[in-house]
Structure formats: structure tokens, C-alpha cells
Amino acid sequence: MSLDKEAVKKVASLARIRMDDEELELMAPRLSKIVGFIEQLSELDTDNVEPLANVVDIALPLRKDVVTDGNCVDKILANAPEEAQNYFVVPNVIE
């Protein structure tokens, strides 16, 4: 499938991408190559291929979910310009 300048302009408009005429001329053959590659992939026979979540059969290492640096409120609030009841005090944004 070959995309012309008008098709690329429509795709850019749908994607909310502003492109001038020079960029449209540059992108038309590039997008045509991408669409051509996708068409090639759609011709592959994948009937006997099981879906994969990962191409490599490995298990991801997981860390234990433990608190390692809690209970340091004093250190966190040490640089606060103002604090009250162990919370940062910020100026009102909405009146």
C-alpha cells in the first residue's frame, strides 16, 4: 500500500501532529514502507504458534516487599519551611 501526501496529512491530523508540506513529502514514503512491512507480517501463517508474553523463558527476579527506610519523619521535615503535625504546610491555592 502506498500512502500519498493527502493520506499522511489525514493521519497527522488524526494524531494532532502539525506538519508542513515539506515534512508531509518526507513522511509519505517512510509511512508507506512501514505499512508495507505490516502487510508482510499479516501474510505470515501463525496458526500453530502459541502466543508469548516473553520471547525468552526466564523468570524475573522479585524483591521482597519490605519497608527499609521508614519512620524518618524528622529527617524528611528537617528542611521544610513550615510543618504542622508531621505534615508539610503549604500556602492556600484556592480561596
N, C-alpha and C. Protein backbone atom coordinates (compact mmCIF):
# COMPACT_ATOMS: atom_id res chain seq x y z
N MET A 1 0.84 -1.17 0.00
CA MET A 1 0.00 0.00 0.00
C MET A 1 0.89 1.23 0.00
N SER A 2 0.58 2.14 -0.86
CA SER A 2 1.36 3.37 -0.96
C SER A 2 0.53 4.53 -0.41
N LEU A 3 1.12 5.28 0.47
CA LEU A 3 0.43 6.44 1.04
C LEU A 3 0.87 7.70 0.32
N ASP A 4 -0.10 8.50 -0.08
CA ASP A 4 0.25 9.77 -0.71
C ASP A 4 0.26 10.87 0.33
N LYS A 5 0.57 12.06 -0.12
CA LYS A 5 0.70 13.21 0.78
C LYS A 5 -0.61 13.50 1.53
N GLU A 6 -1.74 13.34 0.86
CA GLU A 6 -3.03 13.62 1.49
C GLU A 6 -3.36 12.61 2.59
N ALA A 7 -2.99 11.34 2.38
CA ALA A 7 -3.23 10.32 3.40
C ALA A 7 -2.37 10.58 4.63
N VAL A 8 -1.12 10.99 4.40
CA VAL A 8 -0.23 11.31 5.52
C VAL A 8 -0.75 12.54 6.25
N LYS A 9 -1.28 13.50 5.51
CA LYS A 9 -1.85 14.71 6.13
C LYS A 9 -3.03 14.35 7.01
N LYS A 10 -3.87 13.41 6.56
CA LYS A 10 -5.03 12.98 7.36
C LYS A 10 -4.57 12.25 8.62
N VAL A 11 -3.57 11.36 8.48
CA VAL A 11 -3.05 10.64 9.65
C VAL A 11 -2.45 11.63 10.65
N ALA A 12 -1.70 12.60 10.15
CA ALA A 12 -1.11 13.62 11.03
C ALA A 12 -2.20 14.41 11.73
N SER A 13 -3.26 14.73 11.02
CA SER A 13 -4.37 15.48 11.62
C SER A 13 -5.05 14.65 12.72
N LEU A 14 -5.27 13.36 12.45
CA LEU A 14 -5.89 12.50 13.46
C LEU A 14 -5.01 12.34 14.69
N ALA A 15 -3.69 12.37 14.48
CA ALA A 15 -2.75 12.24 15.59
C ALA A 15 -2.44 13.59 16.23
N ARG A 16 -3.08 14.64 15.73
CA ARG A 16 -2.87 16.00 16.23
C ARG A 16 -1.40 16.41 16.11
N ILE A 17 -0.80 16.08 14.94
CA ILE A 17 0.58 16.46 14.65
C ILE A 17 0.55 17.47 13.52
N ARG A 18 1.11 18.62 13.77
CA ARG A 18 1.15 19.66 12.75
C ARG A 18 2.37 19.44 11.87
N MET A 19 2.15 19.34 10.55
CA MET A 19 3.24 19.10 9.61
C MET A 19 3.08 20.05 8.43
N ASP A 20 4.21 20.61 7.98
CA ASP A 20 4.16 21.44 6.78
C ASP A 20 4.31 20.55 5.54
N ASP A 21 4.22 21.15 4.36
CA ASP A 21 4.26 20.39 3.11
C ASP A 21 5.57 19.63 2.94
N GLU A 22 6.68 20.22 3.35
CA GLU A 22 7.98 19.56 3.22
C GLU A 22 8.03 18.29 4.07
N GLU A 23 7.52 18.37 5.31
CA GLU A 23 7.50 17.20 6.19
C GLU A 23 6.57 16.13 5.66
N LEU A 24 5.43 16.54 5.07
CA LEU A 24 4.50 15.57 4.51
C LEU A 24 5.15 14.81 3.36
N GLU A 25 5.89 15.51 2.51
CA GLU A 25 6.59 14.87 1.39
C GLU A 25 7.63 13.87 1.90
N LEU A 26 8.29 14.22 3.00
CA LEU A 26 9.32 13.36 3.57
C LEU A 26 8.72 12.12 4.23
N MET A 27 7.59 12.29 4.89
CA MET A 27 7.00 11.19 5.66
C MET A 27 6.20 10.21 4.80
N ALA A 28 5.71 10.62 3.66
CA ALA A 28 4.88 9.73 2.83
C ALA A 28 5.60 8.44 2.46
N PRO A 29 6.83 8.48 1.91
CA PRO A 29 7.49 7.20 1.60
C PRO A 29 7.86 6.40 2.85
N ARG A 30 8.18 7.08 3.93
CA ARG A 30 8.53 6.37 5.17
C ARG A 30 7.34 5.61 5.72
N LEU A 31 6.19 6.27 5.78
CA LEU A 31 4.99 5.59 6.27
C LEU A 31 4.56 4.48 5.32
N SER A 32 4.77 4.66 4.03
CA SER A 32 4.44 3.61 3.06
C SER A 32 5.27 2.36 3.32
N LYS A 33 6.55 2.54 3.65
CA LYS A 33 7.41 1.40 3.97
C LYS A 33 6.94 0.69 5.23
N ILE A 34 6.53 1.47 6.23
CA ILE A 34 6.05 0.88 7.49
C ILE A 34 4.78 0.07 7.24
N VAL A 35 3.84 0.63 6.49
CA VAL A 35 2.60 -0.07 6.19
C VAL A 35 2.88 -1.32 5.36
N GLY A 36 3.84 -1.22 4.43
CA GLY A 36 4.22 -2.39 3.63
C GLY A 36 4.78 -3.50 4.49
N PHE A 37 5.58 -3.15 5.47
CA PHE A 37 6.13 -4.16 6.38
C PHE A 37 5.02 -4.82 7.19
N ILE A 38 4.07 -4.05 7.64
CA ILE A 38 2.94 -4.61 8.40
C ILE A 38 2.12 -5.55 7.51
N GLU A 39 1.97 -5.20 6.24
CA GLU A 39 1.26 -6.09 5.31
C GLU A 39 2.01 -7.40 5.15
N GLN A 40 3.34 -7.36 5.11
CA GLN A 40 4.13 -8.58 5.03
C GLN A 40 3.90 -9.46 6.26
N LEU A 41 3.85 -8.83 7.43
CA LEU A 41 3.62 -9.60 8.66
C LEU A 41 2.25 -10.26 8.67
N SER A 42 1.26 -9.60 8.09
CA SER A 42 -0.09 -10.17 8.09
C SER A 42 -0.19 -11.40 7.19
N GLU A 43 0.77 -11.58 6.28
CA GLU A 43 0.76 -12.74 5.39
C GLU A 43 1.37 -13.99 6.04
N LEU A 44 2.01 -13.84 7.19
CA LEU A 44 2.62 -14.98 7.86
C LEU A 44 1.57 -15.93 8.42
N ASP A 45 1.86 -17.22 8.35
CA ASP A 45 0.97 -18.24 8.90
C ASP A 45 1.34 -18.47 10.37
N THR A 46 0.47 -18.05 11.26
CA THR A 46 0.73 -18.17 12.69
C THR A 46 -0.29 -19.09 13.37
N ASP A 47 -0.86 -20.00 12.60
CA ASP A 47 -1.90 -20.88 13.16
C ASP A 47 -1.39 -21.77 14.28
N ASN A 48 -0.19 -22.33 14.15
CA ASN A 48 0.34 -23.26 15.15
C ASN A 48 1.34 -22.62 16.10
N VAL A 49 1.32 -21.31 16.18
CA VAL A 49 2.26 -20.59 17.06
C VAL A 49 1.50 -20.13 18.29
N GLU A 50 1.99 -20.54 19.46
CA GLU A 50 1.33 -20.14 20.70
C GLU A 50 1.71 -18.71 21.05
N PRO A 51 0.80 -17.94 21.60
CA PRO A 51 1.11 -16.56 22.00
C PRO A 51 2.15 -16.56 23.12
N LEU A 52 3.02 -15.57 23.10
CA LEU A 52 4.08 -15.46 24.10
C LEU A 52 3.97 -14.14 24.84
N ALA A 53 4.30 -14.18 26.11
CA ALA A 53 4.42 -12.94 26.87
C ALA A 53 5.86 -12.46 26.84
N ASN A 54 6.79 -13.41 26.63
CA ASN A 54 8.21 -13.09 26.59
C ASN A 54 8.88 -14.08 25.65
N VAL A 55 9.78 -13.60 24.82
CA VAL A 55 10.43 -14.50 23.87
C VAL A 55 11.50 -15.36 24.52
N VAL A 56 11.96 -14.97 25.70
CA VAL A 56 12.98 -15.72 26.42
C VAL A 56 12.31 -16.35 27.65
N ASP A 57 12.57 -17.61 27.88
CA ASP A 57 11.96 -18.31 29.00
C ASP A 57 12.74 -18.06 30.29
N ILE A 58 12.52 -16.88 30.87
CA ILE A 58 13.19 -16.53 32.12
C ILE A 58 12.15 -16.00 33.10
N ALA A 59 12.46 -16.14 34.36
CA ALA A 59 11.60 -15.58 35.40
C ALA A 59 12.26 -14.31 35.92
N LEU A 60 11.47 -13.29 36.08
CA LEU A 60 12.01 -12.03 36.59
C LEU A 60 12.26 -12.14 38.08
N PRO A 61 13.42 -11.68 38.53
CA PRO A 61 13.68 -11.72 39.97
C PRO A 61 12.81 -10.68 40.68
N LEU A 62 12.20 -11.09 41.75
CA LEU A 62 11.35 -10.20 42.52
C LEU A 62 11.99 -9.95 43.88
N ARG A 63 11.89 -8.73 44.35
CA ARG A 63 12.41 -8.43 45.67
C ARG A 63 11.29 -8.54 46.68
N LYS A 64 11.64 -8.75 47.91
CA LYS A 64 10.65 -8.81 48.97
C LYS A 64 10.09 -7.41 49.20
N ASP A 65 8.82 -7.32 49.44
CA ASP A 65 8.16 -6.05 49.64
C ASP A 65 8.22 -5.70 51.13
N VAL A 66 9.33 -5.13 51.54
CA VAL A 66 9.51 -4.76 52.95
C VAL A 66 9.89 -3.28 53.03
N VAL A 67 9.50 -2.65 54.11
CA VAL A 67 9.86 -1.25 54.35
C VAL A 67 11.30 -1.22 54.84
N THR A 68 12.13 -0.44 54.15
CA THR A 68 13.55 -0.42 54.52
C THR A 68 13.98 0.90 55.14
N ASP A 69 13.25 1.98 54.87
CA ASP A 69 13.70 3.26 55.40
C ASP A 69 12.52 4.09 55.92
N GLY A 70 11.66 3.48 56.65
CA GLY A 70 10.52 4.20 57.19
C GLY A 70 10.85 4.84 58.53
N ASN A 71 9.88 5.50 59.09
CA ASN A 71 9.99 6.12 60.41
C ASN A 71 11.12 7.16 60.46
N CYS A 72 11.18 8.00 59.43
CA CYS A 72 12.19 9.07 59.42
C CYS A 72 11.53 10.42 59.14
N VAL A 73 10.38 10.65 59.75
CA VAL A 73 9.63 11.88 59.54
C VAL A 73 10.46 13.10 59.91
N ASP A 74 11.22 13.03 60.99
CA ASP A 74 12.03 14.17 61.41
C ASP A 74 13.06 14.55 60.36
N LYS A 75 13.69 13.58 59.75
CA LYS A 75 14.68 13.85 58.70
C LYS A 75 14.02 14.46 57.46
N ILE A 76 12.84 13.95 57.12
CA ILE A 76 12.15 14.45 55.94
C ILE A 76 11.70 15.89 56.14
N LEU A 77 11.16 16.20 57.32
CA LEU A 77 10.64 17.54 57.58
C LEU A 77 11.71 18.52 58.04
N ALA A 78 12.96 18.11 58.14
CA ALA A 78 14.02 18.99 58.64
C ALA A 78 14.20 20.21 57.75
N ASN A 79 14.02 20.08 56.46
CA ASN A 79 14.21 21.21 55.54
C ASN A 79 12.91 21.92 55.17
N ALA A 80 11.81 21.51 55.75
CA ALA A 80 10.53 22.12 55.42
C ALA A 80 10.48 23.54 55.99
N PRO A 81 10.03 24.51 55.20
CA PRO A 81 9.91 25.87 55.73
C PRO A 81 8.91 25.97 56.88
N GLU A 82 7.87 25.13 56.79
CA GLU A 82 6.86 25.10 57.85
C GLU A 82 6.23 23.73 57.89
N GLU A 83 6.02 23.20 59.09
CA GLU A 83 5.37 21.90 59.25
C GLU A 83 4.43 21.95 60.43
N ALA A 84 3.40 21.10 60.37
CA ALA A 84 2.44 21.00 61.45
C ALA A 84 1.95 19.56 61.54
N GLN A 85 2.03 19.00 62.71
CA GLN A 85 1.56 17.64 62.98
C GLN A 85 2.18 16.63 62.02
N ASN A 86 3.48 16.75 61.81
CA ASN A 86 4.24 15.85 60.94
C ASN A 86 3.83 15.89 59.47
N TYR A 87 3.34 17.05 58.99
CA TYR A 87 2.99 17.26 57.59
C TYR A 87 3.61 18.57 57.11
N PHE A 88 3.86 18.66 55.80
CA PHE A 88 4.29 19.91 55.20
C PHE A 88 3.13 20.89 55.21
N VAL A 89 3.39 22.17 55.49
CA VAL A 89 2.38 23.22 55.40
C VAL A 89 2.68 24.00 54.12
N VAL A 90 1.68 24.13 53.26
CA VAL A 90 1.83 24.86 52.01
C VAL A 90 0.81 25.99 51.96
N PRO A 91 1.08 27.01 51.17
CA PRO A 91 0.11 28.11 51.08
C PRO A 91 -1.17 27.67 50.41
N ASN A 92 -2.27 28.36 50.75
CA ASN A 92 -3.56 28.06 50.13
C ASN A 92 -3.48 28.37 48.64
N VAL A 93 -4.02 27.49 47.82
CA VAL A 93 -4.06 27.72 46.38
C VAL A 93 -5.44 28.19 45.97
N ILE A 94 -6.45 27.67 46.62
CA ILE A 94 -7.84 28.03 46.30
C ILE A 94 -8.39 28.80 47.47
N GLU A 95 -8.97 29.92 47.17
CA GLU A 95 -9.56 30.77 48.24
C GLU A 95 -10.95 30.29 48.57
